[in-house]
């Protein structure tokens, strides 16, 4: 089996995402750049059909043109969004797309996540991109245009309007770490807004 350890790692992170509610049965996907020509990626319907409980055999080994070299299942239609991210961020080695509970509120309303804690400040802006239909080439182009504007920043996180979050980092574990940090940041943002609206916090004296 090609890249067995890397594929096993993707399985572990995928299951953890589902168990910890940072994605849902509506989907999400993970990819890892192995080298210039080979990528590994979760298959389509990984959440709907398997609830993110995958085996290394399920993880696809792909060329950058989308040819399946090894693995069961079919390629996700979000492949173009992942490849577009790698093409515009040369330092990216892993990309996670997910549907986290708290961040989905910000993505659905088109809001930017503020850094109220220090754990996510390295990301800089975390804005919601203009709406484009899920799995479409239009969405892939929206993501590529934004990533190009970030130049070579790593890590990068952005929200997809009415869709979810996209995170790119130098490794899969780092990308997952940032996903959880950002989900907690969204929770803090929401609770801070509630406390402010109730007049329970007036700011520092």
Protein backbone atom coordinates (compact mmCIF):
# COMPACT_ATOMS: atom_id res chain seq x y z
CA UNK A 1 0.00 0.00 0.00
CA UNK A 2 1.32 3.42 -0.93
CA UNK A 3 1.78 5.92 1.93
CA UNK A 4 0.17 3.61 4.51
CA UNK A 5 1.21 5.60 7.58
CA UNK A 6 0.08 8.90 6.09
CA UNK A 7 -3.26 7.38 5.10
CA UNK A 8 -3.70 5.95 8.60
CA UNK A 9 -3.05 9.41 10.03
CA UNK A 10 -5.77 10.89 7.81
CA UNK A 11 -8.19 8.23 9.10
CA UNK A 12 -7.43 9.11 12.72
CA UNK A 13 -7.87 12.84 12.19
CA UNK A 14 -11.06 12.33 10.17
CA UNK A 15 -12.65 10.28 12.93
CA UNK A 16 -11.56 12.78 15.57
CA UNK A 17 -13.16 15.62 13.59
CA UNK A 18 -16.49 13.81 13.57
CA UNK A 19 -16.36 12.69 17.20
CA UNK A 20 -15.48 16.16 18.43
CA UNK A 21 -18.22 17.88 16.37
CA UNK A 22 -15.88 19.89 14.16
CA UNK A 23 -17.56 18.37 11.14
CA UNK A 24 -20.88 16.63 10.58
CA UNK A 25 -22.66 14.08 8.40
CA UNK A 26 -23.05 16.73 5.69
CA UNK A 27 -19.38 16.24 4.90
CA UNK A 28 -15.98 17.86 4.92
CA UNK A 29 -12.72 16.55 3.47
CA UNK A 30 -9.01 16.29 4.19
CA UNK A 31 -6.02 16.23 1.86
CA UNK A 32 -2.27 15.92 2.40
CA UNK A 33 0.42 16.79 -0.11
CA UNK A 34 2.90 13.91 -0.33
CA UNK A 35 5.06 15.41 -3.06
CA UNK A 36 4.62 17.56 -6.16
CA UNK A 37 2.68 14.86 -8.00
CA UNK A 38 0.95 12.79 -5.30
CA UNK A 39 -1.75 13.76 -2.82
CA UNK A 40 -3.84 11.68 -0.44
CA UNK A 41 -7.45 12.62 0.23
CA UNK A 42 -10.62 11.41 1.88
CA UNK A 43 -13.23 10.04 -0.56
CA UNK A 44 -16.57 11.60 -1.36
CA UNK A 45 -19.45 10.83 1.06
CA UNK A 46 -16.99 9.94 3.83
CA UNK A 47 -19.37 11.41 6.42
CA UNK A 48 -22.77 10.59 4.93
CA UNK A 49 -22.03 6.95 4.31
CA UNK A 50 -19.33 6.08 6.85
CA UNK A 51 -19.67 8.75 9.55
CA UNK A 52 -15.96 9.48 9.08
CA UNK A 53 -14.96 5.99 10.22
CA UNK A 54 -12.44 5.21 7.48
CA UNK A 55 -9.67 2.69 6.89
CA UNK A 56 -6.39 3.41 5.06
CA UNK A 57 -7.85 1.58 2.03
CA UNK A 58 -10.55 4.24 1.81
CA UNK A 59 -8.05 7.09 1.51
CA UNK A 60 -7.36 7.95 -2.11
CA UNK A 61 -3.92 8.44 -3.60
CA UNK A 62 -4.30 11.00 -6.37
CA UNK A 63 -2.26 12.81 -8.97
CA UNK A 64 -2.60 16.57 -9.15
CA UNK A 65 -4.85 16.02 -12.20
CA UNK A 66 -7.29 13.98 -10.13
CA UNK A 67 -6.34 10.50 -11.36
CA UNK A 68 -6.93 7.85 -8.68
CA UNK A 69 -3.81 5.69 -8.24
CA UNK A 70 -4.99 3.75 -5.22
CA UNK A 71 -7.88 3.68 -2.74
CA UNK A 72 -11.57 2.84 -2.63
CA UNK A 73 -14.42 5.17 -3.46
CA UNK A 74 -14.69 8.21 -5.65
CA UNK A 75 -12.94 11.55 -5.60
CA UNK A 76 -14.71 14.40 -3.83
CA UNK A 77 -15.87 17.28 -5.98
CA UNK A 78 -14.00 19.61 -3.60
CA UNK A 79 -10.72 18.30 -5.05
CA UNK A 80 -10.30 21.45 -7.15
CA UNK A 81 -10.58 23.65 -4.06
CA UNK A 82 -7.82 21.67 -2.35
CA UNK A 83 -5.50 21.68 -5.38
CA UNK A 84 -6.14 25.39 -5.87
CA UNK A 85 -5.01 25.99 -2.29
CA UNK A 86 -1.78 24.02 -2.80
CA UNK A 87 -1.12 25.81 -6.08
CA UNK A 88 -1.35 29.25 -4.46
CA UNK A 89 0.25 28.41 -1.09
CA UNK A 90 3.50 26.54 -1.85
CA UNK A 91 4.20 25.92 1.86
CA UNK A 92 0.87 24.19 2.47
CA UNK A 93 1.19 20.47 3.15
CA UNK A 94 -2.33 19.75 4.43
CA UNK A 95 -5.79 21.19 3.85
CA UNK A 96 -8.89 20.57 5.98
CA UNK A 97 -12.41 21.53 5.00
CA UNK A 98 -14.99 21.04 7.76
CA UNK A 99 -18.42 22.08 9.07
CA UNK A 100 -17.87 22.99 12.74
CA UNK A 101 -20.90 23.94 14.85
CA UNK A 102 -19.75 27.35 16.10
CA UNK A 103 -17.90 28.46 12.97
CA UNK A 104 -20.92 27.58 10.80
CA UNK A 105 -22.79 30.46 12.46
CA UNK A 106 -20.11 32.93 11.33
CA UNK A 107 -19.87 31.38 7.87
CA UNK A 108 -23.64 31.45 7.40
CA UNK A 109 -23.92 35.10 8.42
CA UNK A 110 -20.81 36.23 6.55
CA UNK A 111 -19.00 37.38 9.69
CA UNK A 112 -15.29 37.64 10.43
CA UNK A 113 -13.96 35.85 13.52
CA UNK A 114 -12.17 38.23 15.90
CA UNK A 115 -9.16 37.04 17.87
CA UNK A 116 -10.33 37.46 21.46
CA UNK A 117 -7.84 34.84 22.66
CA UNK A 118 -4.17 34.63 21.75
CA UNK A 119 -4.34 31.06 20.45
CA UNK A 120 -5.48 32.01 16.94
CA UNK A 121 -3.79 35.38 16.38
CA UNK A 122 -1.13 33.92 14.12
CA UNK A 123 -3.89 33.43 11.51
CA UNK A 124 -4.42 37.14 10.96
CA UNK A 125 -7.79 37.81 9.34
CA UNK A 126 -10.39 35.05 9.34
CA UNK A 127 -13.01 36.39 6.96
CA UNK A 128 -15.94 34.80 5.17
CA UNK A 129 -15.47 34.61 1.41
CA UNK A 130 -18.27 35.52 -1.04
CA UNK A 131 -20.82 32.79 -1.65
CA UNK A 132 -20.23 30.23 -4.38
CA UNK A 133 -22.03 26.87 -4.65
CA UNK A 134 -20.45 23.95 -2.81
CA UNK A 135 -18.24 21.66 -4.96
CA UNK A 136 -18.31 24.13 -7.88
CA UNK A 137 -15.39 25.40 -9.95
CA UNK A 138 -16.62 28.87 -9.00
CA UNK A 139 -15.94 28.09 -5.33
CA UNK A 140 -12.49 26.74 -6.20
CA UNK A 141 -11.72 30.02 -8.01
CA UNK A 142 -12.99 32.12 -5.09
CA UNK A 143 -10.69 30.19 -2.75
CA UNK A 144 -7.70 30.44 -5.12
CA UNK A 145 -8.15 34.20 -5.50
CA UNK A 146 -8.24 34.67 -1.74
CA UNK A 147 -5.28 32.40 -1.08
CA UNK A 148 -3.30 34.28 -3.72
CA UNK A 149 -4.00 37.50 -1.81
CA UNK A 150 -2.52 35.93 1.32
CA UNK A 151 0.69 35.28 -0.63
CA UNK A 152 2.65 32.61 1.27
CA UNK A 153 1.02 32.96 4.69
CA UNK A 154 0.83 29.72 6.69
CA UNK A 155 -1.32 28.80 8.49
CA UNK A 156 -4.34 30.22 6.69
CA UNK A 157 -7.99 29.86 7.64
CA UNK A 158 -11.04 31.22 5.89
CA UNK A 159 -14.78 30.68 6.10
CA UNK A 160 -16.84 29.68 3.07
CA UNK A 161 -20.19 31.46 2.97
CA UNK A 162 -23.02 29.13 4.05
CA UNK A 163 -20.62 26.19 3.75
CA UNK A 164 -17.89 25.79 6.38
CA UNK A 165 -14.22 26.46 7.01
CA UNK A 166 -11.01 25.83 5.08
CA UNK A 167 -7.63 25.59 6.82
CA UNK A 168 -4.17 25.11 5.30
CA UNK A 169 -1.02 24.41 7.30
CA UNK A 170 2.39 22.77 7.10
CA UNK A 171 1.15 19.41 8.43
CA UNK A 172 -2.11 17.58 9.01
CA UNK A 173 -1.79 17.68 12.79
CA UNK A 174 -1.09 21.40 12.75
CA UNK A 175 -4.09 22.02 10.49
CA UNK A 176 -6.32 20.02 12.83
CA UNK A 177 -4.92 21.86 15.87
CA UNK A 178 -5.81 25.18 14.24
CA UNK A 179 -9.29 23.91 13.35
CA UNK A 180 -10.06 23.24 17.01
CA UNK A 181 -8.49 26.51 18.14
CA UNK A 182 -10.60 28.43 15.67
CA UNK A 183 -13.78 26.59 16.65
CA UNK A 184 -13.17 27.56 20.28
CA UNK A 185 -12.46 31.14 19.19
CA UNK A 186 -15.86 31.24 17.48
CA UNK A 187 -17.47 30.03 20.71
CA UNK A 188 -15.66 32.75 22.68
CA UNK A 189 -16.76 35.37 20.12
CA UNK A 190 -20.38 34.30 20.44
CA UNK A 191 -20.40 34.21 24.24
CA UNK A 192 -18.60 37.56 24.43
CA UNK A 193 -21.26 39.11 22.17
CA UNK A 194 -24.02 37.76 24.42
CA UNK A 195 -22.33 39.05 27.57
CA UNK A 196 -21.82 42.44 25.93
CA UNK A 197 -25.45 42.61 24.79
CA UNK A 198 -26.58 41.85 28.34
CA UNK A 199 -24.47 44.72 29.64
CA UNK A 200 -22.42 42.44 31.85
CA UNK A 201 -19.08 43.60 30.46
CA UNK A 202 -18.15 47.23 29.92
CA UNK A 203 -14.59 46.75 28.76
CA UNK A 204 -11.37 47.25 30.67
CA UNK A 205 -11.34 50.17 33.12
